[in-house]
C-alpha atoms as a PDB file:
ATOM      1  CA  MET A   1     -26.401 -32.450 -70.098  1.00  0.00           C
ATOM      2  CA  ALA A   2     -23.682 -30.344 -71.512  1.00  0.00           C
ATOM      3  CA  MET A   3     -21.472 -34.025 -71.090  1.00  0.00           C
ATOM      4  CA  TYR A   4     -24.026 -35.994 -72.370  1.00  0.00           C
ATOM      5  CA  ALA A   5     -24.226 -33.728 -75.582  1.00  0.00           C
ATOM      6  CA  LYS A   6     -20.714 -33.511 -75.897  1.00  0.00           C
ATOM      7  CA  VAL A   7     -20.346 -37.424 -76.037  1.00  0.00           C
ATOM      8  CA  ARG A   8     -22.925 -37.658 -78.306  1.00  0.00           C
ATOM      9  CA  ARG A   9     -20.930 -35.277 -80.537  1.00  0.00           C
ATOM     10  CA  MET A  10     -17.386 -36.691 -80.125  1.00  0.00           C
ATOM     11  CA  ARG A  11     -18.724 -39.879 -81.076  1.00  0.00           C
ATOM     12  CA  LEU A  12     -21.266 -39.179 -84.289  1.00  0.00           C
ATOM     13  CA  ARG A  13     -19.396 -36.363 -85.812  1.00  0.00           C
ATOM     14  CA  GLU A  14     -15.980 -36.608 -84.621  1.00  0.00           C
ATOM     15  CA  GLY A  15     -15.642 -40.368 -85.128  1.00  0.00           C
ATOM     16  CA  LEU A  16     -13.860 -40.968 -81.899  1.00  0.00           C
ATOM     17  CA  SER A  17     -13.558 -44.558 -80.166  1.00  0.00           C
ATOM     18  CA  ILE A  18     -15.575 -45.093 -76.770  1.00  0.00           C
ATOM     19  CA  SER A  19     -11.787 -46.062 -75.279  1.00  0.00           C
ATOM     20  CA  GLU A  20     -11.072 -42.379 -76.664  1.00  0.00           C
ATOM     21  CA  ILE A  21     -13.747 -40.824 -75.263  1.00  0.00           C
ATOM     22  CA  ALA A  22     -13.383 -42.197 -72.175  1.00  0.00           C
ATOM     23  CA  ARG A  23      -9.818 -40.920 -71.783  1.00  0.00           C
ATOM     24  CA  ARG A  24     -10.778 -37.275 -72.711  1.00  0.00           C
ATOM     25  CA  THR A  25     -13.910 -37.181 -70.580  1.00  0.00           C
ATOM     26  CA  SER A  26     -12.651 -39.343 -67.068  1.00  0.00           C
ATOM     27  CA  LEU A  27     -16.659 -41.141 -68.202  1.00  0.00           C
ATOM     28  CA  SER A  28     -16.612 -44.921 -67.769  1.00  0.00           C
ATOM     29  CA  ARG A  29     -17.054 -46.963 -71.032  1.00  0.00           C
ATOM     30  CA  ASN A  30     -20.324 -48.224 -69.479  1.00  0.00           C
ATOM     31  CA  THR A  31     -21.873 -45.067 -69.410  1.00  0.00           C
ATOM     32  CA  ILE A  32     -20.710 -43.747 -72.926  1.00  0.00           C
ATOM     33  CA  GLU A  33     -22.235 -46.602 -74.327  1.00  0.00           C
ATOM     34  CA  ASP A  34     -25.498 -46.282 -72.491  1.00  0.00           C
ATOM     35  CA  TRP A  35     -25.312 -42.810 -73.424  1.00  0.00           C
ATOM     36  CA  LEU A  36     -24.746 -43.616 -77.088  1.00  0.00           C
ATOM     37  CA  ARG A  37     -27.224 -46.929 -77.459  1.00  0.00           C
ATOM     38  CA  GLY A  38     -29.939 -44.770 -75.853  1.00  0.00           C
ATOM     39  CA  PRO A  39     -32.444 -42.217 -77.286  1.00  0.00           C
ATOM     40  CA  VAL A  40     -31.856 -39.031 -77.664  1.00  0.00           C
ATOM     41  CA  ARG A  41     -32.169 -37.046 -74.694  1.00  0.00           C
ATOM     42  CA  ASP A  42     -33.422 -33.443 -74.209  1.00  0.00           C
ATOM     43  CA  GLU A  43     -32.729 -33.389 -70.671  1.00  0.00           C
ATOM     44  CA  MET A  44     -31.112 -35.948 -68.277  1.00  0.00           C
ATOM     45  CA  GLN A  45     -33.803 -38.234 -65.991  1.00  0.00           C
ATOM     46  CA  TYR A  46     -32.772 -38.814 -62.382  1.00  0.00           C
ATOM     47  CA  ARG A  47     -34.135 -42.225 -60.624  1.00  0.00           C
ATOM     48  CA  ARG A  48     -35.236 -40.541 -57.389  1.00  0.00           C
ATOM     49  CA  ALA A  49     -37.551 -37.814 -56.418  1.00  0.00           C
ATOM     50  CA  ALA A  50     -36.383 -34.850 -54.379  1.00  0.00           C
ATOM     51  CA  ALA A  51     -37.651 -35.778 -51.094  1.00  0.00           C
ATOM     52  CA  PRO A  52     -38.273 -33.254 -48.091  1.00  0.00           C
ATOM     53  CA  LYS A  53     -35.055 -33.030 -45.905  1.00  0.00           C
ATOM     54  CA  LYS A  54     -34.984 -34.122 -42.302  1.00  0.00           C
ATOM     55  CA  ILE A  55     -33.593 -30.722 -41.582  1.00  0.00           C
ATOM     56  CA  ALA A  56     -36.680 -29.060 -43.196  1.00  0.00           C
ATOM     57  CA  PRO A  57     -39.148 -28.694 -39.763  1.00  0.00           C
ATOM     58  CA  TYR A  58     -36.009 -26.462 -38.286  1.00  0.00           C
ATOM     59  CA  GLU A  59     -34.701 -24.691 -40.970  1.00  0.00           C
ATOM     60  CA  ALA A  60     -36.882 -21.529 -39.945  1.00  0.00           C
ATOM     61  CA  VAL A  61     -35.407 -21.647 -36.302  1.00  0.00           C
ATOM     62  CA  LEU A  62     -31.881 -22.053 -37.761  1.00  0.00           C
ATOM     63  CA  ARG A  63     -31.682 -19.568 -39.977  1.00  0.00           C
ATOM     64  CA  GLU A  64     -33.337 -17.069 -37.368  1.00  0.00           C
ATOM     65  CA  ALA A  65     -30.453 -18.083 -34.672  1.00  0.00           C
ATOM     66  CA  LEU A  66     -27.597 -17.850 -37.816  1.00  0.00           C
ATOM     67  CA  ALA A  67     -28.737 -14.203 -38.338  1.00  0.00           C
ATOM     68  CA  ILE A  68     -29.032 -13.592 -35.113  1.00  0.00           C
ATOM     69  CA  ASP A  69     -25.164 -14.741 -34.531  1.00  0.00           C
ATOM     70  CA  THR A  70     -23.689 -12.887 -37.593  1.00  0.00           C
ATOM     71  CA  ARG A  71     -24.749  -9.820 -36.038  1.00  0.00           C
ATOM     72  CA  ARG A  72     -22.884 -10.821 -32.467  1.00  0.00           C
ATOM     73  CA  PRO A  73     -19.545  -9.331 -32.024  1.00  0.00           C
ATOM     74  CA  HIS A  74     -16.776 -11.983 -33.688  1.00  0.00           C
ATOM     75  CA  ARG A  75     -15.422 -12.419 -29.712  1.00  0.00           C
ATOM     76  CA  GLU A  76     -19.186 -13.100 -28.420  1.00  0.00           C
ATOM     77  CA  ARG A  77     -20.003 -15.934 -30.530  1.00  0.00           C
ATOM     78  CA  PRO A  78     -19.837 -19.378 -29.338  1.00  0.00           C
ATOM     79  CA  CYS A  79     -17.399 -20.578 -31.706  1.00  0.00           C
ATOM     80  CA  ALA A  80     -15.119 -17.550 -31.766  1.00  0.00           C
ATOM     81  CA  GLY A  81     -11.953 -17.182 -29.887  1.00  0.00           C
ATOM     82  CA  GLY A  82     -13.931 -15.724 -26.707  1.00  0.00           C
ATOM     83  CA  GLY A  83     -16.599 -18.018 -24.520  1.00  0.00           C
ATOM     84  CA  GLY A  84     -14.362 -20.502 -24.105  1.00  0.00           C
ATOM     85  CA  PRO A  85     -14.025 -22.907 -20.914  1.00  0.00           C
ATOM     86  CA  ARG A  86     -11.876 -20.430 -19.324  1.00  0.00           C
ATOM     87  CA  ASP A  87     -13.574 -17.169 -19.729  1.00  0.00           C
ATOM     88  CA  ARG A  88     -17.086 -18.738 -18.207  1.00  0.00           C
ATOM     89  CA  PRO A  89     -17.619 -18.313 -14.602  1.00  0.00           C
ATOM     90  CA  ASP A  90     -17.708 -21.458 -12.552  1.00  0.00           C
ATOM     91  CA  PRO A  91     -20.920 -23.332 -11.926  1.00  0.00           C
ATOM     92  CA  VAL A  92     -22.528 -22.028  -8.778  1.00  0.00           C
ATOM     93  CA  ASP A  93     -24.988 -24.537  -6.696  1.00  0.00           C
ATOM     94  CA  ARG A  94     -28.114 -23.526  -4.833  1.00  0.00           C
ATOM     95  CA  THR A  95     -26.161 -22.530  -1.747  1.00  0.00           C
ATOM     96  CA  GLY A  96     -23.817 -19.990  -3.637  1.00  0.00           C
ATOM     97  CA  THR A  97     -20.544 -22.026  -3.259  1.00  0.00           C
ATOM     98  CA  THR A  98     -18.715 -22.796  -6.550  1.00  0.00           C
ATOM     99  CA  SER A  99     -19.791 -26.689  -7.283  1.00  0.00           C
ATOM    100  CA  THR A 100     -15.879 -27.174  -8.097  1.00  0.00           C
ATOM    101  CA  PRO A 101     -14.650 -30.414  -5.847  1.00  0.00           C
ATOM    102  CA  PRO A 102     -12.062 -29.134  -3.417  1.00  0.00           C
ATOM    103  CA  ALA A 103      -9.420 -31.415  -5.131  1.00  0.00           C
ATOM    104  CA  SER A 104      -9.188 -30.121  -7.921  1.00  0.00           C
ATOM    105  CA  ARG A 105      -9.015 -26.503  -6.689  1.00  0.00           C
ATOM    106  CA  SER A 106      -5.474 -24.563  -6.587  1.00  0.00           C
ATOM    107  CA  THR A 107      -4.120 -24.397  -3.299  1.00  0.00           C
ATOM    108  CA  GLY A 108      -1.709 -22.137  -3.819  1.00  0.00           C
ATOM    109  CA  GLY A 109       0.989 -23.892  -1.582  1.00  0.00           C
ATOM    110  CA  ALA A 110       4.190 -25.441  -2.193  1.00  0.00           C
ATOM    111  CA  ARG A 111       4.088 -28.671  -4.091  1.00  0.00           C
ATOM    112  CA  ARG A 112       5.208 -32.126  -2.284  1.00  0.00           C
ATOM    113  CA  PRO A 113       7.645 -33.936  -4.114  1.00  0.00           C
ATOM    114  CA  ALA A 114       7.048 -37.152  -5.819  1.00  0.00           C
ATOM    115  CA  ALA A 115       7.800 -40.336  -3.900  1.00  0.00           C
ATOM    116  CA  GLY A 116      11.301 -41.913  -4.629  1.00  0.00           C
ATOM    117  CA  SER A 117      12.463 -38.250  -5.880  1.00  0.00           C
ATOM    118  CA  ARG A 118      15.090 -35.553  -3.782  1.00  0.00           C
END
């Protein structure tokens, strides 16, 4: 609303051209012309009415989760430095052994030289 009033004041009181108003306000000339041609408005009208947000059903749950998370120490938050994949224990299957395949585990032995190298 303030910009609308400023544009009308620049044109009607100060007598500036539409191009000069556009330069000073960074508005397009078409917008300025529409504002000047139309009736004087008390408030700006918007085309769309406020519609319910898609996240609205989950808002209470998310606010509660964020409130709980802010009370946790920084290191224990999932997005903080701690809690990454290296800090988690290996996943365990039903037999009690790790589910990491044997090929990916470190053998601790000496490495074999690559083929063709000495």
